[in-house]
Amino acid sequence: MIASKKNIADALTDVRKAYRILHNYQRAALDAANYLGSQLGFEYRGGYPLFSDCAPKDGKGKLENWSWDWLNLVFYDFHFVKRIDNQDQNLSIWLFSDTGYFFSDSPKADKTDVSTFAPVETSQSKVAFLLYGQWKNEFNAFKDSREEVRRFLETDNELLCLLKAGGVIGRCCDFSQISDEDSADVLLDELVQFGRANRFPLERVAKVG
């Protein structure tokens, strides 16, 4: 059946609404990552899309690229560094805007087929915090393992044994816990305690004003 012009117009109205909602959500996520990192005394060192490739640069890319390549914040690593005792201490804030792929029960779950994702009602938007001294190349397999990432998200702290053995610690929380400054402050205090309990000497930076 050919869609009517009205149906198309209504769908495109929804698209415009979705883009504006997405803009405000991503602005909130960026501001929250900046606030959390700076409040812990870390310097931002750039980020990495973990679900797809980076969005194509000017004059680059192919039209066959994944749609996710233009929507990098669906799963993204905000990377921060702090120098302590002449050694780098790293903080990665992983934003999971939609856990649907990882929470899917479908044996045919496919990153490029959202119909195989868990329903939006049972999926979540989460944030993970990873603290480590050095990230090793073999750790990269973790983000590509749907089962391991799902376990981490569901337990809020159960990392792959390889990462734990390599000195990586991590915990997760719902996005709502960083959606406003008061909630973020509570989370920051929890992260400081979590870090100190695991030999990462975190501390809050005094607020101005």
C-alpha atoms as a PDB file:
ATOM      1  CA  MET A   1       0.000   0.000   0.000  1.00  0.00           C
ATOM      2  CA  ILE A   2       1.320   3.432  -0.927  1.00  0.00           C
ATOM      3  CA  ALA A   3       1.388   5.780   2.038  1.00  0.00           C
ATOM      4  CA  SER A   4      -0.885   8.791   1.753  1.00  0.00           C
ATOM      5  CA  LYS A   5       0.598  12.268   1.647  1.00  0.00           C
ATOM      6  CA  LYS A   6      -0.958  12.946   5.047  1.00  0.00           C
ATOM      7  CA  ASN A   7       0.682   9.873   6.575  1.00  0.00           C
ATOM      8  CA  ILE A   8       4.031  10.920   5.139  1.00  0.00           C
ATOM      9  CA  ALA A   9       3.582  14.464   6.425  1.00  0.00           C
ATOM     10  CA  ASP A  10       2.681  13.170   9.899  1.00  0.00           C
ATOM     11  CA  ALA A  11       5.698  10.846   9.927  1.00  0.00           C
ATOM     12  CA  LEU A  12       8.035  13.671   8.935  1.00  0.00           C
ATOM     13  CA  THR A  13       6.577  15.836  11.690  1.00  0.00           C
ATOM     14  CA  ASP A  14       7.500  13.059  14.118  1.00  0.00           C
ATOM     15  CA  VAL A  15      11.012  12.976  12.627  1.00  0.00           C
ATOM     16  CA  ARG A  16      11.452  16.696  13.240  1.00  0.00           C
ATOM     17  CA  LYS A  17      10.204  16.293  16.818  1.00  0.00           C
ATOM     18  CA  ALA A  18      12.585  13.365  17.331  1.00  0.00           C
ATOM     19  CA  TYR A  19      15.577  15.365  16.099  1.00  0.00           C
ATOM     20  CA  ARG A  20      14.802  18.223  18.477  1.00  0.00           C
ATOM     21  CA  ILE A  21      14.359  15.818  21.387  1.00  0.00           C
ATOM     22  CA  LEU A  22      17.624  14.134  20.394  1.00  0.00           C
ATOM     23  CA  HIS A  23      19.393  17.495  20.297  1.00  0.00           C
ATOM     24  CA  ASN A  24      18.285  18.359  23.828  1.00  0.00           C
ATOM     25  CA  TYR A  25      19.129  14.877  25.121  1.00  0.00           C
ATOM     26  CA  GLN A  26      22.612  14.933  23.608  1.00  0.00           C
ATOM     27  CA  ARG A  27      23.224  18.438  24.977  1.00  0.00           C
ATOM     28  CA  ALA A  28      22.269  17.172  28.433  1.00  0.00           C
ATOM     29  CA  ALA A  29      24.576  14.156  28.057  1.00  0.00           C
ATOM     30  CA  LEU A  30      27.506  16.305  26.934  1.00  0.00           C
ATOM     31  CA  ASP A  31      27.007  18.793  29.753  1.00  0.00           C
ATOM     32  CA  ALA A  32      26.729  15.975  32.293  1.00  0.00           C
ATOM     33  CA  ALA A  33      29.930  14.291  31.079  1.00  0.00           C
ATOM     34  CA  ASN A  34      31.743  17.620  31.266  1.00  0.00           C
ATOM     35  CA  TYR A  35      30.458  18.299  34.778  1.00  0.00           C
ATOM     36  CA  LEU A  36      31.296  14.833  36.109  1.00  0.00           C
ATOM     37  CA  GLY A  37      34.783  14.751  34.636  1.00  0.00           C
ATOM     38  CA  SER A  38      35.702  18.261  35.769  1.00  0.00           C
ATOM     39  CA  GLN A  39      34.271  17.722  39.253  1.00  0.00           C
ATOM     40  CA  LEU A  40      36.600  14.753  39.651  1.00  0.00           C
ATOM     41  CA  GLY A  41      39.565  16.787  38.422  1.00  0.00           C
ATOM     42  CA  PHE A  42      39.948  15.037  35.070  1.00  0.00           C
ATOM     43  CA  GLU A  43      40.780  16.634  31.716  1.00  0.00           C
ATOM     44  CA  TYR A  44      38.753  15.642  28.666  1.00  0.00           C
ATOM     45  CA  ARG A  45      40.877  13.966  25.995  1.00  0.00           C
ATOM     46  CA  GLY A  46      38.293  13.251  23.315  1.00  0.00           C
ATOM     47  CA  GLY A  47      35.793  10.513  22.665  1.00  0.00           C
ATOM     48  CA  TYR A  48      35.170   7.349  20.723  1.00  0.00           C
ATOM     49  CA  PRO A  49      31.988   5.944  19.169  1.00  0.00           C
ATOM     50  CA  LEU A  50      31.653   2.340  20.367  1.00  0.00           C
ATOM     51  CA  PHE A  51      28.657   1.147  18.350  1.00  0.00           C
ATOM     52  CA  SER A  52      29.733   2.257  14.885  1.00  0.00           C
ATOM     53  CA  ASP A  53      32.303   4.322  13.031  1.00  0.00           C
ATOM     54  CA  CYS A  54      32.754   8.054  13.513  1.00  0.00           C
ATOM     55  CA  ALA A  55      30.465  10.344  11.564  1.00  0.00           C
ATOM     56  CA  PRO A  56      32.097  11.017   8.190  1.00  0.00           C
ATOM     57  CA  LYS A  57      34.215  14.156   7.978  1.00  0.00           C
ATOM     58  CA  ASP A  58      33.677  16.851   5.350  1.00  0.00           C
ATOM     59  CA  GLY A  59      33.792  15.338   1.891  1.00  0.00           C
ATOM     60  CA  LYS A  60      34.165  11.800   3.262  1.00  0.00           C
ATOM     61  CA  GLY A  61      32.002   8.755   3.871  1.00  0.00           C
ATOM     62  CA  LYS A  62      29.774   6.550   1.764  1.00  0.00           C
ATOM     63  CA  LEU A  63      26.013   6.446   1.491  1.00  0.00           C
ATOM     64  CA  GLU A  64      26.208   2.742   2.381  1.00  0.00           C
ATOM     65  CA  ASN A  65      27.577   3.642   5.820  1.00  0.00           C
ATOM     66  CA  TRP A  66      25.436   2.615   8.775  1.00  0.00           C
ATOM     67  CA  SER A  67      22.832   5.085   9.964  1.00  0.00           C
ATOM     68  CA  TRP A  68      24.499   4.760  13.376  1.00  0.00           C
ATOM     69  CA  ASP A  69      27.621   6.375  11.908  1.00  0.00           C
ATOM     70  CA  TRP A  70      25.662   9.627  11.990  1.00  0.00           C
ATOM     71  CA  LEU A  71      24.281   8.920  15.479  1.00  0.00           C
ATOM     72  CA  ASN A  72      27.461   8.271  17.441  1.00  0.00           C
ATOM     73  CA  LEU A  73      26.034   8.989  20.889  1.00  0.00           C
ATOM     74  CA  VAL A  74      23.919   5.847  20.832  1.00  0.00           C
ATOM     75  CA  PHE A  75      26.947   4.230  22.575  1.00  0.00           C
ATOM     76  CA  TYR A  76      29.893   6.518  23.213  1.00  0.00           C
ATOM     77  CA  ASP A  77      33.079   6.737  25.278  1.00  0.00           C
ATOM     78  CA  PHE A  78      33.940  10.130  26.781  1.00  0.00           C
ATOM     79  CA  HIS A  79      37.600   9.776  27.778  1.00  0.00           C
ATOM     80  CA  PHE A  80      39.231  11.757  30.599  1.00  0.00           C
ATOM     81  CA  VAL A  81      42.741  11.707  32.053  1.00  0.00           C
ATOM     82  CA  LYS A  82      44.304  12.932  35.311  1.00  0.00           C
ATOM     83  CA  ARG A  83      48.004  12.821  36.200  1.00  0.00           C
ATOM     84  CA  ILE A  84      48.668  11.422  39.679  1.00  0.00           C
ATOM     85  CA  ASP A  85      52.149  10.630  41.008  1.00  0.00           C
ATOM     86  CA  ASN A  86      53.595  10.875  37.483  1.00  0.00           C
ATOM     87  CA  GLN A  87      51.125   8.309  36.175  1.00  0.00           C
ATOM     88  CA  ASP A  88      47.995   8.734  34.081  1.00  0.00           C
ATOM     89  CA  GLN A  89      44.717   7.807  35.698  1.00  0.00           C
ATOM     90  CA  ASN A  90      41.969   7.299  33.140  1.00  0.00           C
ATOM     91  CA  LEU A  91      38.222   7.731  33.382  1.00  0.00           C
ATOM     92  CA  SER A  92      35.920   6.596  30.601  1.00  0.00           C
ATOM     93  CA  ILE A  93      32.283   7.611  30.802  1.00  0.00           C
ATOM     94  CA  TRP A  94      30.335   5.263  28.553  1.00  0.00           C
ATOM     95  CA  LEU A  95      26.962   6.571  27.443  1.00  0.00           C
ATOM     96  CA  PHE A  96      24.419   3.897  26.515  1.00  0.00           C
ATOM     97  CA  SER A  97      21.573   5.908  25.023  1.00  0.00           C
ATOM     98  CA  ASP A  98      19.684   2.721  24.156  1.00  0.00           C
ATOM     99  CA  THR A  99      20.527  -0.699  25.578  1.00  0.00           C
ATOM    100  CA  GLY A 100      18.067  -2.403  23.208  1.00  0.00           C
ATOM    101  CA  TYR A 101      20.729  -4.262  21.219  1.00  0.00           C
ATOM    102  CA  PHE A 102      22.445  -5.588  24.326  1.00  0.00           C
ATOM    103  CA  PHE A 103      19.188  -6.496  26.084  1.00  0.00           C
ATOM    104  CA  SER A 104      17.745  -8.279  23.066  1.00  0.00           C
ATOM    105  CA  ASP A 105      16.772 -11.927  23.543  1.00  0.00           C
ATOM    106  CA  SER A 106      16.859 -12.530  19.810  1.00  0.00           C
ATOM    107  CA  PRO A 107      19.609 -14.920  18.656  1.00  0.00           C
ATOM    108  CA  LYS A 108      19.691 -12.836  15.467  1.00  0.00           C
ATOM    109  CA  ALA A 109      20.165  -9.465  17.175  1.00  0.00           C
ATOM    110  CA  ASP A 110      21.732  -7.154  14.623  1.00  0.00           C
ATOM    111  CA  LYS A 111      23.079  -3.649  15.225  1.00  0.00           C
ATOM    112  CA  THR A 112      21.618  -2.442  11.931  1.00  0.00           C
ATOM    113  CA  ASP A 113      18.161  -3.995  12.422  1.00  0.00           C
ATOM    114  CA  VAL A 114      16.355  -2.207  15.239  1.00  0.00           C
ATOM    115  CA  SER A 115      13.443  -4.655  14.949  1.00  0.00           C
ATOM    116  CA  THR A 116      15.729  -7.230  16.624  1.00  0.00           C
ATOM    117  CA  PHE A 117      16.371  -4.940  19.614  1.00  0.00           C
ATOM    118  CA  ALA A 118      14.564  -5.348  22.933  1.00  0.00           C
ATOM    119  CA  PRO A 119      11.421  -3.162  23.070  1.00  0.00           C
ATOM    120  CA  VAL A 120      12.027   0.452  24.054  1.00  0.00           C
ATOM    121  CA  GLU A 121       9.849  -0.085  27.120  1.00  0.00           C
ATOM    122  CA  THR A 122      12.217  -2.737  28.510  1.00  0.00           C
ATOM    123  CA  SER A 123      15.433  -1.155  27.258  1.00  0.00           C
ATOM    124  CA  GLN A 124      17.223   1.503  29.266  1.00  0.00           C
ATOM    125  CA  SER A 125      19.436   4.565  28.959  1.00  0.00           C
ATOM    126  CA  LYS A 126      22.494   4.058  31.157  1.00  0.00           C
ATOM    127  CA  VAL A 127      25.885   5.503  31.957  1.00  0.00           C
ATOM    128  CA  ALA A 128      28.974   3.507  32.904  1.00  0.00           C
ATOM    129  CA  PHE A 129      32.146   4.698  34.596  1.00  0.00           C
ATOM    130  CA  LEU A 130      35.411   2.843  33.992  1.00  0.00           C
ATOM    131  CA  LEU A 131      38.549   3.692  35.948  1.00  0.00           C
ATOM    132  CA  TYR A 132      41.921   2.287  34.924  1.00  0.00           C
ATOM    133  CA  GLY A 133      45.613   2.967  34.689  1.00  0.00           C
ATOM    134  CA  GLN A 134      46.172   1.687  31.170  1.00  0.00           C
ATOM    135  CA  TRP A 135      43.752   0.432  28.521  1.00  0.00           C
ATOM    136  CA  LYS A 136      45.169  -2.566  26.701  1.00  0.00           C
ATOM    137  CA  ASN A 137      44.274  -3.540  23.149  1.00  0.00           C
ATOM    138  CA  GLU A 138      42.844  -6.878  24.271  1.00  0.00           C
ATOM    139  CA  PHE A 139      40.265  -5.017  26.383  1.00  0.00           C
ATOM    140  CA  ASN A 140      38.555  -3.757  23.208  1.00  0.00           C
ATOM    141  CA  ALA A 141      36.808  -7.103  22.744  1.00  0.00           C
ATOM    142  CA  PHE A 142      34.626  -6.275  25.744  1.00  0.00           C
ATOM    143  CA  LYS A 143      32.558  -3.583  24.024  1.00  0.00           C
ATOM    144  CA  ASP A 144      31.866  -5.946  21.108  1.00  0.00           C
ATOM    145  CA  SER A 145      30.622  -8.802  23.293  1.00  0.00           C
ATOM    146  CA  ARG A 146      26.864  -8.405  23.620  1.00  0.00           C
ATOM    147  CA  GLU A 147      26.716 -10.956  26.433  1.00  0.00           C
ATOM    148  CA  GLU A 148      29.497  -9.361  28.501  1.00  0.00           C
ATOM    149  CA  VAL A 149      28.162  -5.830  28.084  1.00  0.00           C
ATOM    150  CA  ARG A 150      24.667  -7.007  28.973  1.00  0.00           C
ATOM    151  CA  ARG A 151      25.928  -8.616  32.174  1.00  0.00           C
ATOM    152  CA  PHE A 152      27.775  -5.425  33.076  1.00  0.00           C
ATOM    153  CA  LEU A 153      24.659  -3.314  32.491  1.00  0.00           C
ATOM    154  CA  GLU A 154      22.338  -5.659  34.346  1.00  0.00           C
ATOM    155  CA  THR A 155      24.563  -6.062  37.402  1.00  0.00           C
ATOM    156  CA  ASP A 156      25.820  -2.451  37.321  1.00  0.00           C
ATOM    157  CA  ASN A 157      29.385  -3.552  38.076  1.00  0.00           C
ATOM    158  CA  GLU A 158      30.265  -7.046  36.771  1.00  0.00           C
ATOM    159  CA  LEU A 159      33.133  -6.538  34.323  1.00  0.00           C
ATOM    160  CA  LEU A 160      34.838  -9.128  32.138  1.00  0.00           C
ATOM    161  CA  CYS A 161      37.461 -11.003  34.169  1.00  0.00           C
ATOM    162  CA  LEU A 162      40.157  -9.915  31.708  1.00  0.00           C
ATOM    163  CA  LEU A 163      39.444  -6.257  32.492  1.00  0.00           C
ATOM    164  CA  LYS A 164      39.341  -6.798  36.247  1.00  0.00           C
ATOM    165  CA  ALA A 165      42.638  -8.663  36.106  1.00  0.00           C
ATOM    166  CA  GLY A 166      44.049  -5.698  34.179  1.00  0.00           C
ATOM    167  CA  GLY A 167      43.101  -3.265  36.937  1.00  0.00           C
ATOM    168  CA  VAL A 168      39.908  -1.874  35.389  1.00  0.00           C
ATOM    169  CA  ILE A 169      36.989  -1.152  37.703  1.00  0.00           C
ATOM    170  CA  GLY A 170      33.557  -0.023  36.658  1.00  0.00           C
ATOM    171  CA  ARG A 171      30.017   0.675  37.704  1.00  0.00           C
ATOM    172  CA  CYS A 172      26.811   1.685  35.947  1.00  0.00           C
ATOM    173  CA  CYS A 173      23.841   3.860  36.734  1.00  0.00           C
ATOM    174  CA  ASP A 174      20.643   5.015  35.073  1.00  0.00           C
ATOM    175  CA  PHE A 175      20.901   8.174  32.974  1.00  0.00           C
ATOM    176  CA  SER A 176      18.414   9.819  35.329  1.00  0.00           C
ATOM    177  CA  GLN A 177      21.170   9.931  37.954  1.00  0.00           C
ATOM    178  CA  ILE A 178      23.090  12.498  35.897  1.00  0.00           C
ATOM    179  CA  SER A 179      20.105  14.369  34.475  1.00  0.00           C
ATOM    180  CA  ASP A 180      20.316  17.247  36.968  1.00  0.00           C
ATOM    181  CA  GLU A 181      23.065  18.752  39.101  1.00  0.00           C
ATOM    182  CA  ASP A 182      21.711  17.614  42.474  1.00  0.00           C
ATOM    183  CA  SER A 183      21.461  13.986  41.311  1.00  0.00           C
ATOM    184  CA  ALA A 184      24.903  14.218  39.707  1.00  0.00           C
ATOM    185  CA  ASP A 185      26.381  15.504  42.974  1.00  0.00           C
ATOM    186  CA  VAL A 186      25.029  12.487  44.843  1.00  0.00           C
ATOM    187  CA  LEU A 187      26.499  10.200  42.193  1.00  0.00           C
ATOM    188  CA  LEU A 188      29.858  11.976  42.342  1.00  0.00           C
ATOM    189  CA  ASP A 189      30.114  11.328  46.066  1.00  0.00           C
ATOM    190  CA  GLU A 190      29.318   7.662  45.414  1.00  0.00           C
ATOM    191  CA  LEU A 191      31.984   7.493  42.697  1.00  0.00           C
ATOM    192  CA  VAL A 192      34.588   8.987  45.024  1.00  0.00           C
ATOM    193  CA  GLN A 193      33.821   6.316  47.613  1.00  0.00           C
ATOM    194  CA  PHE A 194      33.795   3.605  44.954  1.00  0.00           C
ATOM    195  CA  GLY A 195      37.167   4.721  43.595  1.00  0.00           C
ATOM    196  CA  ARG A 196      38.824   4.965  46.990  1.00  0.00           C
ATOM    197  CA  ALA A 197      37.523   1.536  47.961  1.00  0.00           C
ATOM    198  CA  ASN A 198      39.269   0.191  44.864  1.00  0.00           C
ATOM    199  CA  ARG A 199      42.588   2.070  45.223  1.00  0.00           C
ATOM    200  CA  PHE A 200      41.706   4.938  42.884  1.00  0.00           C
ATOM    201  CA  PRO A 201      42.212   8.121  44.922  1.00  0.00           C
ATOM    202  CA  LEU A 202      39.299  10.161  43.616  1.00  0.00           C
ATOM    203  CA  GLU A 203      38.269  13.465  45.124  1.00  0.00           C
ATOM    204  CA  ARG A 204      35.796  16.228  44.383  1.00  0.00           C
ATOM    205  CA  VAL A 205      36.884  19.613  43.086  1.00  0.00           C
ATOM    206  CA  ALA A 206      35.466  22.504  45.084  1.00  0.00           C
ATOM    207  CA  LYS A 207      32.576  24.214  43.335  1.00  0.00           C
ATOM    208  CA  VAL A 208      32.894  27.872  42.461  1.00  0.00           C
ATOM    209  CA  GLY A 209      30.226  30.107  43.940  1.00  0.00           C
END
